[in-house]
Amino acid sequence: VAEILERKRDSFVGIIEMSKTYAFVVVDKRILPTDIFIPINKLNGAKNKQKVVVKITEWPEGSKPVGEV
């Protein structure tokens, strides 16, 4: 594979885990092999340990996907 142009899914369900400066979502059923990084300003009111739907907004090469709740 030379380049990924588009992914089949961009929304996932999981549990949000928060710290003071960032958060991440652990995807249910491990459909995605990595957690999704969520910037604090993209939480949209989500609280620690809540089940959320997250949309991946970018996936930098060699890094975790970035999303928003």
PDB file of N, CA and C in Angstrom:
ATOM      1  N   VAL A   1       0.853  -1.172   0.000  1.00  0.00           N
ATOM      2  CA  VAL A   1       0.000   0.000   0.000  1.00  0.00           C
ATOM      3  C   VAL A   1       0.896   1.230   0.000  1.00  0.00           C
ATOM      4  N   ALA A   2       0.707   2.086  -0.972  1.00  0.00           N
ATOM      5  CA  ALA A   2       1.510   3.297  -1.080  1.00  0.00           C
ATOM      6  C   ALA A   2       0.910   4.453  -0.280  1.00  0.00           C
ATOM      7  N   GLU A   3      -0.427   4.562  -0.292  1.00  0.00           N
ATOM      8  CA  GLU A   3      -1.079   5.666   0.387  1.00  0.00           C
ATOM      9  C   GLU A   3      -2.536   5.314   0.673  1.00  0.00           C
ATOM     10  N   ILE A   4      -3.034   5.724   1.834  1.00  0.00           N
ATOM     11  CA  ILE A   4      -4.441   5.527   2.158  1.00  0.00           C
ATOM     12  C   ILE A   4      -5.171   6.816   1.806  1.00  0.00           C
ATOM     13  N   LEU A   5      -6.116   6.722   0.883  1.00  0.00           N
ATOM     14  CA  LEU A   5      -6.856   7.892   0.444  1.00  0.00           C
ATOM     15  C   LEU A   5      -8.102   8.133   1.270  1.00  0.00           C
ATOM     16  N   GLU A   6      -8.750   7.056   1.685  1.00  0.00           N
ATOM     17  CA  GLU A   6      -9.985   7.170   2.440  1.00  0.00           C
ATOM     18  C   GLU A   6     -10.157   5.926   3.284  1.00  0.00           C
ATOM     19  N   ARG A   7     -10.694   6.102   4.496  1.00  0.00           N
ATOM     20  CA  ARG A   7     -10.966   4.961   5.364  1.00  0.00           C
ATOM     21  C   ARG A   7     -12.449   4.653   5.328  1.00  0.00           C
ATOM     22  N   LYS A   8     -12.788   3.402   5.529  1.00  0.00           N
ATOM     23  CA  LYS A   8     -14.178   2.967   5.465  1.00  0.00           C
ATOM     24  C   LYS A   8     -15.020   3.590   6.576  1.00  0.00           C
ATOM     25  N   ARG A   9     -14.466   3.645   7.796  1.00  0.00           N
ATOM     26  CA  ARG A   9     -15.191   4.195   8.949  1.00  0.00           C
ATOM     27  C   ARG A   9     -14.428   5.383   9.506  1.00  0.00           C
ATOM     28  N   ASP A  10     -15.182   6.346  10.009  1.00  0.00           N
ATOM     29  CA  ASP A  10     -14.523   7.456  10.693  1.00  0.00           C
ATOM     30  C   ASP A  10     -15.144   7.728  12.066  1.00  0.00           C
ATOM     31  N   SER A  11     -16.197   6.986  12.435  1.00  0.00           N
ATOM     32  CA  SER A  11     -16.835   7.146  13.746  1.00  0.00           C
ATOM     33  C   SER A  11     -16.791   5.831  14.511  1.00  0.00           C
ATOM     34  N   PHE A  12     -16.470   5.939  15.814  1.00  0.00           N
ATOM     35  CA  PHE A  12     -16.331   4.762  16.655  1.00  0.00           C
ATOM     36  C   PHE A  12     -16.936   5.034  18.023  1.00  0.00           C
ATOM     37  N   VAL A  13     -17.346   3.987  18.737  1.00  0.00           N
ATOM     38  CA  VAL A  13     -17.886   4.074  20.083  1.00  0.00           C
ATOM     39  C   VAL A  13     -16.847   3.537  21.054  1.00  0.00           C
ATOM     40  N   GLY A  14     -16.690   4.233  22.175  1.00  0.00           N
ATOM     41  CA  GLY A  14     -15.740   3.766  23.166  1.00  0.00           C
ATOM     42  C   GLY A  14     -15.886   4.522  24.468  1.00  0.00           C
ATOM     43  N   ILE A  15     -14.973   4.242  25.395  1.00  0.00           N
ATOM     44  CA  ILE A  15     -14.953   4.867  26.721  1.00  0.00           C
ATOM     45  C   ILE A  15     -13.860   5.922  26.735  1.00  0.00           C
ATOM     46  N   ILE A  16     -14.229   7.114  27.218  1.00  0.00           N
ATOM     47  CA  ILE A  16     -13.259   8.201  27.251  1.00  0.00           C
ATOM     48  C   ILE A  16     -12.453   8.148  28.546  1.00  0.00           C
ATOM     49  N   GLU A  17     -11.156   8.330  28.422  1.00  0.00           N
ATOM     50  CA  GLU A  17     -10.220   8.372  29.547  1.00  0.00           C
ATOM     51  C   GLU A  17      -9.567   9.749  29.503  1.00  0.00           C
ATOM     52  N   MET A  18      -9.659  10.493  30.624  1.00  0.00           N
ATOM     53  CA  MET A  18      -9.185  11.878  30.629  1.00  0.00           C
ATOM     54  C   MET A  18      -8.019  12.102  31.571  1.00  0.00           C
ATOM     55  N   SER A  19      -7.181  13.078  31.193  1.00  0.00           N
ATOM     56  CA  SER A  19      -6.157  13.619  32.081  1.00  0.00           C
ATOM     57  C   SER A  19      -6.367  15.136  32.081  1.00  0.00           C
ATOM     58  N   LYS A  20      -5.476  15.882  32.707  1.00  0.00           N
ATOM     59  CA  LYS A  20      -5.657  17.340  32.763  1.00  0.00           C
ATOM     60  C   LYS A  20      -5.452  18.020  31.422  1.00  0.00           C
ATOM     61  N   THR A  21      -4.603  17.478  30.575  1.00  0.00           N
ATOM     62  CA  THR A  21      -4.256  18.172  29.331  1.00  0.00           C
ATOM     63  C   THR A  21      -4.733  17.482  28.055  1.00  0.00           C
ATOM     64  N   TYR A  22      -5.234  16.279  28.149  1.00  0.00           N
ATOM     65  CA  TYR A  22      -5.702  15.564  26.960  1.00  0.00           C
ATOM     66  C   TYR A  22      -6.636  14.440  27.374  1.00  0.00           C
ATOM     67  N   ALA A  23      -7.223  13.804  26.385  1.00  0.00           N
ATOM     68  CA  ALA A  23      -8.073  12.635  26.626  1.00  0.00           C
ATOM     69  C   ALA A  23      -7.862  11.659  25.476  1.00  0.00           C
ATOM     70  N   PHE A  24      -8.309  10.430  25.676  1.00  0.00           N
ATOM     71  CA  PHE A  24      -8.302   9.468  24.584  1.00  0.00           C
ATOM     72  C   PHE A  24      -9.486   8.536  24.757  1.00  0.00           C
ATOM     73  N   VAL A  25      -9.883   7.911  23.670  1.00  0.00           N
ATOM     74  CA  VAL A  25     -11.008   6.985  23.677  1.00  0.00           C
ATOM     75  C   VAL A  25     -10.493   5.583  23.401  1.00  0.00           C
ATOM     76  N   VAL A  26     -10.867   4.657  24.269  1.00  0.00           N
ATOM     77  CA  VAL A  26     -10.573   3.239  24.063  1.00  0.00           C
ATOM     78  C   VAL A  26     -11.791   2.662  23.350  1.00  0.00           C
ATOM     79  N   VAL A  27     -11.600   2.249  22.120  1.00  0.00           N
ATOM     80  CA  VAL A  27     -12.702   1.808  21.261  1.00  0.00           C
ATOM     81  C   VAL A  27     -13.254   0.467  21.729  1.00  0.00           C
ATOM     82  N   ASP A  28     -14.602   0.349  21.768  1.00  0.00           N
ATOM     83  CA  ASP A  28     -15.268  -0.904  22.115  1.00  0.00           C
ATOM     84  C   ASP A  28     -14.888  -1.999  21.117  1.00  0.00           C
ATOM     85  N   LYS A  29     -14.802  -3.200  21.617  1.00  0.00           N
ATOM     86  CA  LYS A  29     -14.571  -4.397  20.805  1.00  0.00           C
ATOM     87  C   LYS A  29     -13.255  -4.366  20.045  1.00  0.00           C
ATOM     88  N   ARG A  30     -12.426  -3.391  20.331  1.00  0.00           N
ATOM     89  CA  ARG A  30     -11.094  -3.291  19.711  1.00  0.00           C
ATOM     90  C   ARG A  30     -11.139  -3.432  18.188  1.00  0.00           C
ATOM     91  N   ILE A  31     -12.161  -2.863  17.581  1.00  0.00           N
ATOM     92  CA  ILE A  31     -12.267  -2.819  16.118  1.00  0.00           C
ATOM     93  C   ILE A  31     -11.085  -2.048  15.545  1.00  0.00           C
ATOM     94  N   LEU A  32     -10.653  -1.050  16.292  1.00  0.00           N
ATOM     95  CA  LEU A  32      -9.527  -0.218  15.897  1.00  0.00           C
ATOM     96  C   LEU A  32      -8.339  -0.627  16.763  1.00  0.00           C
ATOM     97  N   PRO A  33      -7.185  -0.887  16.183  1.00  0.00           N
ATOM     98  CA  PRO A  33      -6.060  -1.396  16.964  1.00  0.00           C
ATOM     99  C   PRO A  33      -5.346  -0.360  17.823  1.00  0.00           C
ATOM    100  N   THR A  34      -5.845   0.866  17.878  1.00  0.00           N
ATOM    101  CA  THR A  34      -5.216   1.923  18.661  1.00  0.00           C
ATOM    102  C   THR A  34      -6.281   2.796  19.312  1.00  0.00           C
ATOM    103  N   ASP A  35      -5.890   3.533  20.348  1.00  0.00           N
ATOM    104  CA  ASP A  35      -6.795   4.488  20.971  1.00  0.00           C
ATOM    105  C   ASP A  35      -6.844   5.750  20.110  1.00  0.00           C
ATOM    106  N   ILE A  36      -7.869   6.572  20.344  1.00  0.00           N
ATOM    107  CA  ILE A  36      -8.033   7.806  19.578  1.00  0.00           C
ATOM    108  C   ILE A  36      -7.766   8.977  20.510  1.00  0.00           C
ATOM    109  N   PHE A  37      -6.822   9.825  20.138  1.00  0.00           N
ATOM    110  CA  PHE A  37      -6.466  11.011  20.908  1.00  0.00           C
ATOM    111  C   PHE A  37      -7.546  12.073  20.731  1.00  0.00           C
ATOM    112  N   ILE A  38      -7.957  12.697  21.859  1.00  0.00           N
ATOM    113  CA  ILE A  38      -8.971  13.750  21.818  1.00  0.00           C
ATOM    114  C   ILE A  38      -8.405  15.003  22.496  1.00  0.00           C
ATOM    115  N   PRO A  39      -8.218  16.098  21.749  1.00  0.00           N
ATOM    116  CA  PRO A  39      -7.799  17.349  22.390  1.00  0.00           C
ATOM    117  C   PRO A  39      -8.890  17.822  23.369  1.00  0.00           C
ATOM    118  N   ILE A  40      -8.480  18.474  24.448  1.00  0.00           N
ATOM    119  CA  ILE A  40      -9.425  18.932  25.470  1.00  0.00           C
ATOM    120  C   ILE A  40     -10.520  19.810  24.872  1.00  0.00           C
ATOM    121  N   ASN A  41     -10.199  20.629  23.893  1.00  0.00           N
ATOM    122  CA  ASN A  41     -11.207  21.528  23.306  1.00  0.00           C
ATOM    123  C   ASN A  41     -12.173  20.811  22.364  1.00  0.00           C
ATOM    124  N   LYS A  42     -12.021  19.503  22.181  1.00  0.00           N
ATOM    125  CA  LYS A  42     -12.909  18.723  21.315  1.00  0.00           C
ATOM    126  C   LYS A  42     -13.740  17.705  22.098  1.00  0.00           C
ATOM    127  N   LEU A  43     -13.837  17.875  23.426  1.00  0.00           N
ATOM    128  CA  LEU A  43     -14.587  16.935  24.264  1.00  0.00           C
ATOM    129  C   LEU A  43     -16.097  17.137  24.185  1.00  0.00           C
ATOM    130  N   ASN A  44     -16.537  18.335  23.856  1.00  0.00           N
ATOM    131  CA  ASN A  44     -17.966  18.647  23.746  1.00  0.00           C
ATOM    132  C   ASN A  44     -18.770  18.202  24.967  1.00  0.00           C
ATOM    133  N   GLY A  45     -18.213  18.455  26.165  1.00  0.00           N
ATOM    134  CA  GLY A  45     -18.929  18.165  27.405  1.00  0.00           C
ATOM    135  C   GLY A  45     -18.796  16.743  27.933  1.00  0.00           C
ATOM    136  N   ALA A  46     -18.048  15.895  27.266  1.00  0.00           N
ATOM    137  CA  ALA A  46     -17.884  14.512  27.726  1.00  0.00           C
ATOM    138  C   ALA A  46     -17.128  14.477  29.054  1.00  0.00           C
ATOM    139  N   LYS A  47     -17.474  13.508  29.889  1.00  0.00           N
ATOM    140  CA  LYS A  47     -16.845  13.323  31.202  1.00  0.00           C
ATOM    141  C   LYS A  47     -16.047  12.026  31.218  1.00  0.00           C
ATOM    142  N   ASN A  48     -15.084  11.942  32.138  1.00  0.00           N
ATOM    143  CA  ASN A  48     -14.242  10.760  32.270  1.00  0.00           C
ATOM    144  C   ASN A  48     -15.089   9.499  32.456  1.00  0.00           C
ATOM    145  N   LYS A  49     -14.708   8.443  31.778  1.00  0.00           N
ATOM    146  CA  LYS A  49     -15.327   7.111  31.843  1.00  0.00           C
ATOM    147  C   LYS A  49     -16.702   7.026  31.172  1.00  0.00           C
ATOM    148  N   GLN A  50     -17.140   8.063  30.478  1.00  0.00           N
ATOM    149  CA  GLN A  50     -18.401   8.002  29.748  1.00  0.00           C
ATOM    150  C   GLN A  50     -18.212   7.253  28.435  1.00  0.00           C
ATOM    151  N   LYS A  51     -19.285   6.626  27.989  1.00  0.00           N
ATOM    152  CA  LYS A  51     -19.293   6.023  26.660  1.00  0.00           C
ATOM    153  C   LYS A  51     -19.637   7.128  25.674  1.00  0.00           C
ATOM    154  N   VAL A  52     -18.833   7.251  24.624  1.00  0.00           N
ATOM    155  CA  VAL A  52     -19.007   8.340  23.664  1.00  0.00           C
ATOM    156  C   VAL A  52     -18.879   7.823  22.235  1.00  0.00           C
ATOM    157  N   VAL A  53     -19.350   8.642  21.320  1.00  0.00           N
ATOM    158  CA  VAL A  53     -19.106   8.414  19.897  1.00  0.00           C
ATOM    159  C   VAL A  53     -18.063   9.438  19.491  1.00  0.00           C
ATOM    160  N   VAL A  54     -17.000   8.979  18.876  1.00  0.00           N
ATOM    161  CA  VAL A  54     -15.922   9.864  18.466  1.00  0.00           C
ATOM    162  C   VAL A  54     -15.746   9.768  16.955  1.00  0.00           C
ATOM    163  N   LYS A  55     -15.509  10.918  16.333  1.00  0.00           N
ATOM    164  CA  LYS A  55     -15.252  10.964  14.892  1.00  0.00           C
ATOM    165  C   LYS A  55     -13.786  11.305  14.687  1.00  0.00           C
ATOM    166  N   ILE A  56     -13.103  10.495  13.906  1.00  0.00           N
ATOM    167  CA  ILE A  56     -11.697  10.758  13.608  1.00  0.00           C
ATOM    168  C   ILE A  56     -11.634  11.917  12.618  1.00  0.00           C
ATOM    169  N   THR A  57     -10.857  12.947  12.985  1.00  0.00           N
ATOM    170  CA  THR A  57     -10.728  14.128  12.137  1.00  0.00           C
ATOM    171  C   THR A  57      -9.415  14.153  11.366  1.00  0.00           C
ATOM    172  N   GLU A  58      -8.407  13.468  11.897  1.00  0.00           N
ATOM    173  CA  GLU A  58      -7.133  13.352  11.187  1.00  0.00           C
ATOM    174  C   GLU A  58      -6.384  12.123  11.689  1.00  0.00           C
ATOM    175  N   TRP A  59      -5.519  11.601  10.850  1.00  0.00           N
ATOM    176  CA  TRP A  59      -4.739  10.422  11.214  1.00  0.00           C
ATOM    177  C   TRP A  59      -3.322  10.627  10.685  1.00  0.00           C
ATOM    178  N   PRO A  60      -2.506  11.359  11.462  1.00  0.00           N
ATOM    179  CA  PRO A  60      -1.140  11.623  11.006  1.00  0.00           C
ATOM    180  C   PRO A  60      -0.340  10.323  10.847  1.00  0.00           C
ATOM    181  N   GLU A  61       0.464  10.272   9.837  1.00  0.00           N
ATOM    182  CA  GLU A  61       1.268   9.080   9.573  1.00  0.00           C
ATOM    183  C   GLU A  61       2.205   8.823  10.745  1.00  0.00           C
ATOM    184  N   GLY A  62       2.203   7.582  11.222  1.00  0.00           N
ATOM    185  CA  GLY A  62       3.074   7.181  12.321  1.00  0.00           C
ATOM    186  C   GLY A  62       2.596   7.643  13.686  1.00  0.00           C
ATOM    187  N   SER A  63       1.350   8.065  13.782  1.00  0.00           N
ATOM    188  CA  SER A  63       0.833   8.579  15.047  1.00  0.00           C
ATOM    189  C   SER A  63      -0.572   8.068  15.287  1.00  0.00           C
ATOM    190  N   LYS A  64      -1.091   8.301  16.495  1.00  0.00           N
ATOM    191  CA  LYS A  64      -2.464   7.904  16.817  1.00  0.00           C
ATOM    192  C   LYS A  64      -3.449   8.803  16.074  1.00  0.00           C
ATOM    193  N   PRO A  65      -4.623   8.267  15.770  1.00  0.00           N
ATOM    194  CA  PRO A  65      -5.650   9.119  15.154  1.00  0.00           C
ATOM    195  C   PRO A  65      -6.121  10.186  16.147  1.00  0.00           C
ATOM    196  N   VAL A  66      -6.564  11.306  15.613  1.00  0.00           N
ATOM    197  CA  VAL A  66      -7.064  12.423  16.404  1.00  0.00           C
ATOM    198  C   VAL A  66      -8.541  12.574  16.084  1.00  0.00           C
ATOM    199  N   GLY A  67      -9.348  12.805  17.113  1.00  0.00           N
ATOM    200  CA  GLY A  67     -10.782  12.914  16.863  1.00  0.00           C
ATOM    201  C   GLY A  67     -11.468  13.902  17.767  1.00  0.00           C
ATOM    202  N   GLU A  68     -12.794  13.934  17.631  1.00  0.00           N
ATOM    203  CA  GLU A  68     -13.623  14.786  18.470  1.00  0.00           C
ATOM    204  C   GLU A  68     -14.871  14.026  18.873  1.00  0.00           C
ATOM    205  N   VAL A  69     -15.383  14.359  20.072  1.00  0.00           N
ATOM    206  CA  VAL A  69     -16.584  13.709  20.593  1.00  0.00           C
ATOM    207  C   VAL A  69     -17.795  14.369  19.966  1.00  0.00           C
TER     208      VAL A  69
END
